Amino acid sequence: MTELDIAYFKEKLLKTQAQINALEQTHEQASECVTLDQTRVGRLSRMDAMQAQAIAVETRRRNQLMLKNIERALKKIDADDFGYCESCDEAIDRRRLDFDPTVRFCVHCAEKLGN
């Protein structure tokens, strides 16, 4: 990878990381416990609130996973190991990295591993 490529991917990763962190701050309230006080809301409203809470919890779980993947990719950039398959050590196709700079395997190895 050229230095320009690394800078591009690092910027892309940092931008995505900042976006996820901003979303996490705004969605914290959505994953709080749902009050089951029938005098305040009806049964269907509570069910809607519980569904929204479940969606928020899953979204947060996925965001945390993405943040971990971004951290791993940034560490690989710092170690001059970014863009290489963790299985076969061959270069990962740039188009694959453009789509998701957190990928860890080339297409061939990902297919073998079922990723």
C-alpha atoms as a PDB file:
ATOM      1  CA  MET A   1       0.000   0.000   0.000  1.00  0.00           C
ATOM      2  CA  THR A   2       1.197   3.497  -0.711  1.00  0.00           C
ATOM      3  CA  GLU A   3       1.334   6.178   1.966  1.00  0.00           C
ATOM      4  CA  LEU A   4      -1.564   7.990   0.270  1.00  0.00           C
ATOM      5  CA  ASP A   5      -3.734   4.880   0.505  1.00  0.00           C
ATOM      6  CA  ILE A   6      -3.002   4.470   4.205  1.00  0.00           C
ATOM      7  CA  ALA A   7      -3.865   8.107   4.915  1.00  0.00           C
ATOM      8  CA  TYR A   8      -7.139   7.712   2.993  1.00  0.00           C
ATOM      9  CA  PHE A   9      -8.154   4.619   4.945  1.00  0.00           C
ATOM     10  CA  LYS A  10      -7.082   6.063   8.287  1.00  0.00           C
ATOM     11  CA  GLU A  11      -9.192   9.166   7.626  1.00  0.00           C
ATOM     12  CA  LYS A  12     -12.147   7.004   6.587  1.00  0.00           C
ATOM     13  CA  LEU A  13     -11.838   4.882   9.737  1.00  0.00           C
ATOM     14  CA  LEU A  14     -11.526   7.898  12.035  1.00  0.00           C
ATOM     15  CA  LYS A  15     -14.532   9.571  10.410  1.00  0.00           C
ATOM     16  CA  THR A  16     -16.666   6.450  10.865  1.00  0.00           C
ATOM     17  CA  GLN A  17     -15.466   6.127  14.451  1.00  0.00           C
ATOM     18  CA  ALA A  18     -16.482   9.727  15.203  1.00  0.00           C
ATOM     19  CA  GLN A  19     -19.903   9.203  13.610  1.00  0.00           C
ATOM     20  CA  ILE A  20     -20.563   6.070  15.668  1.00  0.00           C
ATOM     21  CA  ASN A  21     -19.454   7.777  18.876  1.00  0.00           C
ATOM     22  CA  ALA A  22     -21.805  10.689  18.160  1.00  0.00           C
ATOM     23  CA  LEU A  23     -24.686   8.273  17.521  1.00  0.00           C
ATOM     24  CA  GLU A  24     -23.934   6.422  20.739  1.00  0.00           C
ATOM     25  CA  GLN A  25     -24.322   9.616  22.746  1.00  0.00           C
ATOM     26  CA  THR A  26     -27.671  10.490  21.168  1.00  0.00           C
ATOM     27  CA  HIS A  27     -29.135   6.967  21.501  1.00  0.00           C
ATOM     28  CA  GLU A  28     -28.266   6.286  25.144  1.00  0.00           C
ATOM     29  CA  GLN A  29     -31.747   7.212  26.355  1.00  0.00           C
ATOM     30  CA  ALA A  30     -33.444   4.877  23.882  1.00  0.00           C
ATOM     31  CA  SER A  31     -31.926   1.810  25.527  1.00  0.00           C
ATOM     32  CA  GLU A  32     -32.994   2.725  29.062  1.00  0.00           C
ATOM     33  CA  CYS A  33     -35.560   0.570  30.900  1.00  0.00           C
ATOM     34  CA  VAL A  34     -39.165   0.896  29.816  1.00  0.00           C
ATOM     35  CA  THR A  35     -41.542   1.976  32.565  1.00  0.00           C
ATOM     36  CA  LEU A  36     -44.463  -0.412  32.883  1.00  0.00           C
ATOM     37  CA  ASP A  37     -46.823   2.011  34.652  1.00  0.00           C
ATOM     38  CA  GLN A  38     -50.263   1.441  33.114  1.00  0.00           C
ATOM     39  CA  THR A  39     -51.511   4.791  34.360  1.00  0.00           C
ATOM     40  CA  ARG A  40     -48.983   6.568  32.121  1.00  0.00           C
ATOM     41  CA  VAL A  41     -49.204   4.596  28.873  1.00  0.00           C
ATOM     42  CA  GLY A  42     -51.378   1.888  27.379  1.00  0.00           C
ATOM     43  CA  ARG A  43     -50.331  -1.669  26.680  1.00  0.00           C
ATOM     44  CA  LEU A  44     -49.609  -1.107  22.977  1.00  0.00           C
ATOM     45  CA  SER A  45     -47.553   1.986  23.732  1.00  0.00           C
ATOM     46  CA  ARG A  46     -45.491  -0.028  26.215  1.00  0.00           C
ATOM     47  CA  MET A  47     -45.005  -2.767  23.614  1.00  0.00           C
ATOM     48  CA  ASP A  48     -43.856  -0.170  21.094  1.00  0.00           C
ATOM     49  CA  ALA A  49     -41.478   1.285  23.669  1.00  0.00           C
ATOM     50  CA  MET A  50     -40.108  -2.176  24.490  1.00  0.00           C
ATOM     51  CA  GLN A  51     -39.589  -2.915  20.801  1.00  0.00           C
ATOM     52  CA  ALA A  52     -37.802   0.424  20.336  1.00  0.00           C
ATOM     53  CA  GLN A  53     -35.660  -0.417  23.356  1.00  0.00           C
ATOM     54  CA  ALA A  54     -34.712  -3.819  21.901  1.00  0.00           C
ATOM     55  CA  ILE A  55     -33.782  -2.186  18.602  1.00  0.00           C
ATOM     56  CA  ALA A  56     -31.677   0.400  20.424  1.00  0.00           C
ATOM     57  CA  VAL A  57     -29.873  -2.291  22.434  1.00  0.00           C
ATOM     58  CA  GLU A  58     -29.049  -4.266  19.265  1.00  0.00           C
ATOM     59  CA  THR A  59     -27.938  -1.123  17.464  1.00  0.00           C
ATOM     60  CA  ARG A  60     -25.643  -0.310  20.364  1.00  0.00           C
ATOM     61  CA  ARG A  61     -24.202  -3.849  20.309  1.00  0.00           C
ATOM     62  CA  ARG A  62     -23.479  -3.545  16.587  1.00  0.00           C
ATOM     63  CA  ASN A  63     -21.955  -0.093  17.044  1.00  0.00           C
ATOM     64  CA  GLN A  64     -19.661  -1.407  19.793  1.00  0.00           C
ATOM     65  CA  LEU A  65     -18.556  -4.257  17.515  1.00  0.00           C
ATOM     66  CA  MET A  66     -17.862  -1.795  14.695  1.00  0.00           C
ATOM     67  CA  LEU A  67     -15.827   0.394  17.068  1.00  0.00           C
ATOM     68  CA  LYS A  68     -13.740  -2.642  18.065  1.00  0.00           C
ATOM     69  CA  ASN A  69     -13.161  -3.480  14.396  1.00  0.00           C
ATOM     70  CA  ILE A  70     -12.146   0.125  13.685  1.00  0.00           C
ATOM     71  CA  GLU A  71      -9.704   0.084  16.616  1.00  0.00           C
ATOM     72  CA  ARG A  72      -8.183  -3.154  15.276  1.00  0.00           C
ATOM     73  CA  ALA A  73      -7.792  -1.636  11.801  1.00  0.00           C
ATOM     74  CA  LEU A  74      -6.205   1.539  13.214  1.00  0.00           C
ATOM     75  CA  LYS A  75      -3.733  -0.570  15.199  1.00  0.00           C
ATOM     76  CA  LYS A  76      -2.872  -2.457  12.003  1.00  0.00           C
ATOM     77  CA  ILE A  77      -2.229   0.872  10.273  1.00  0.00           C
ATOM     78  CA  ASP A  78       0.116   1.907  13.095  1.00  0.00           C
ATOM     79  CA  ALA A  79       1.913  -1.452  12.833  1.00  0.00           C
ATOM     80  CA  ASP A  80       2.278  -1.124   9.029  1.00  0.00           C
ATOM     81  CA  ASP A  81       0.191  -4.275   8.647  1.00  0.00           C
ATOM     82  CA  PHE A  82      -2.989  -2.738   7.215  1.00  0.00           C
ATOM     83  CA  GLY A  83      -4.415  -4.177   4.015  1.00  0.00           C
ATOM     84  CA  TYR A  84      -3.022  -7.682   4.388  1.00  0.00           C
ATOM     85  CA  CYS A  85      -5.035 -10.841   4.992  1.00  0.00           C
ATOM     86  CA  GLU A  86      -4.691 -12.230   8.527  1.00  0.00           C
ATOM     87  CA  SER A  87      -4.806 -15.773   7.164  1.00  0.00           C
ATOM     88  CA  CYS A  88      -2.625 -15.889   4.042  1.00  0.00           C
ATOM     89  CA  ASP A  89      -0.781 -12.549   4.465  1.00  0.00           C
ATOM     90  CA  GLU A  90      -1.580 -11.547   0.871  1.00  0.00           C
ATOM     91  CA  ALA A  91      -2.767  -8.025   0.029  1.00  0.00           C
ATOM     92  CA  ILE A  92      -6.517  -7.483   0.325  1.00  0.00           C
ATOM     93  CA  ASP A  93      -8.075  -6.055  -2.835  1.00  0.00           C
ATOM     94  CA  ARG A  94      -8.475  -2.270  -2.632  1.00  0.00           C
ATOM     95  CA  ARG A  95     -12.135  -2.499  -3.680  1.00  0.00           C
ATOM     96  CA  ARG A  96     -12.812  -4.731  -0.670  1.00  0.00           C
ATOM     97  CA  LEU A  97     -11.053  -2.261   1.618  1.00  0.00           C
ATOM     98  CA  ASP A  98     -12.944   0.649   0.051  1.00  0.00           C
ATOM     99  CA  PHE A  99     -16.209  -1.082   0.893  1.00  0.00           C
ATOM    100  CA  ASP A 100     -15.140  -1.935   4.462  1.00  0.00           C
ATOM    101  CA  PRO A 101     -11.686  -0.896   5.693  1.00  0.00           C
ATOM    102  CA  THR A 102     -12.115  -3.107   8.769  1.00  0.00           C
ATOM    103  CA  VAL A 103     -12.040  -6.384   6.804  1.00  0.00           C
ATOM    104  CA  ARG A 104      -9.432  -8.826   8.057  1.00  0.00           C
ATOM    105  CA  PHE A 105      -9.335 -11.401   5.275  1.00  0.00           C
ATOM    106  CA  CYS A 106      -9.017 -11.488   1.505  1.00  0.00           C
ATOM    107  CA  VAL A 107     -12.031 -12.784  -0.435  1.00  0.00           C
ATOM    108  CA  HIS A 108     -10.502 -16.239  -0.898  1.00  0.00           C
ATOM    109  CA  CYS A 109      -9.758 -16.755   2.810  1.00  0.00           C
ATOM    110  CA  ALA A 110     -13.069 -15.195   3.891  1.00  0.00           C
ATOM    111  CA  GLU A 111     -14.906 -17.726   1.727  1.00  0.00           C
ATOM    112  CA  LYS A 112     -12.886 -20.558   3.282  1.00  0.00           C
ATOM    113  CA  LEU A 113     -13.666 -19.300   6.783  1.00  0.00           C
ATOM    114  CA  GLY A 114     -17.324 -18.669   6.015  1.00  0.00           C
ATOM    115  CA  ASN A 115     -17.095 -14.923   6.660  1.00  0.00           C
END
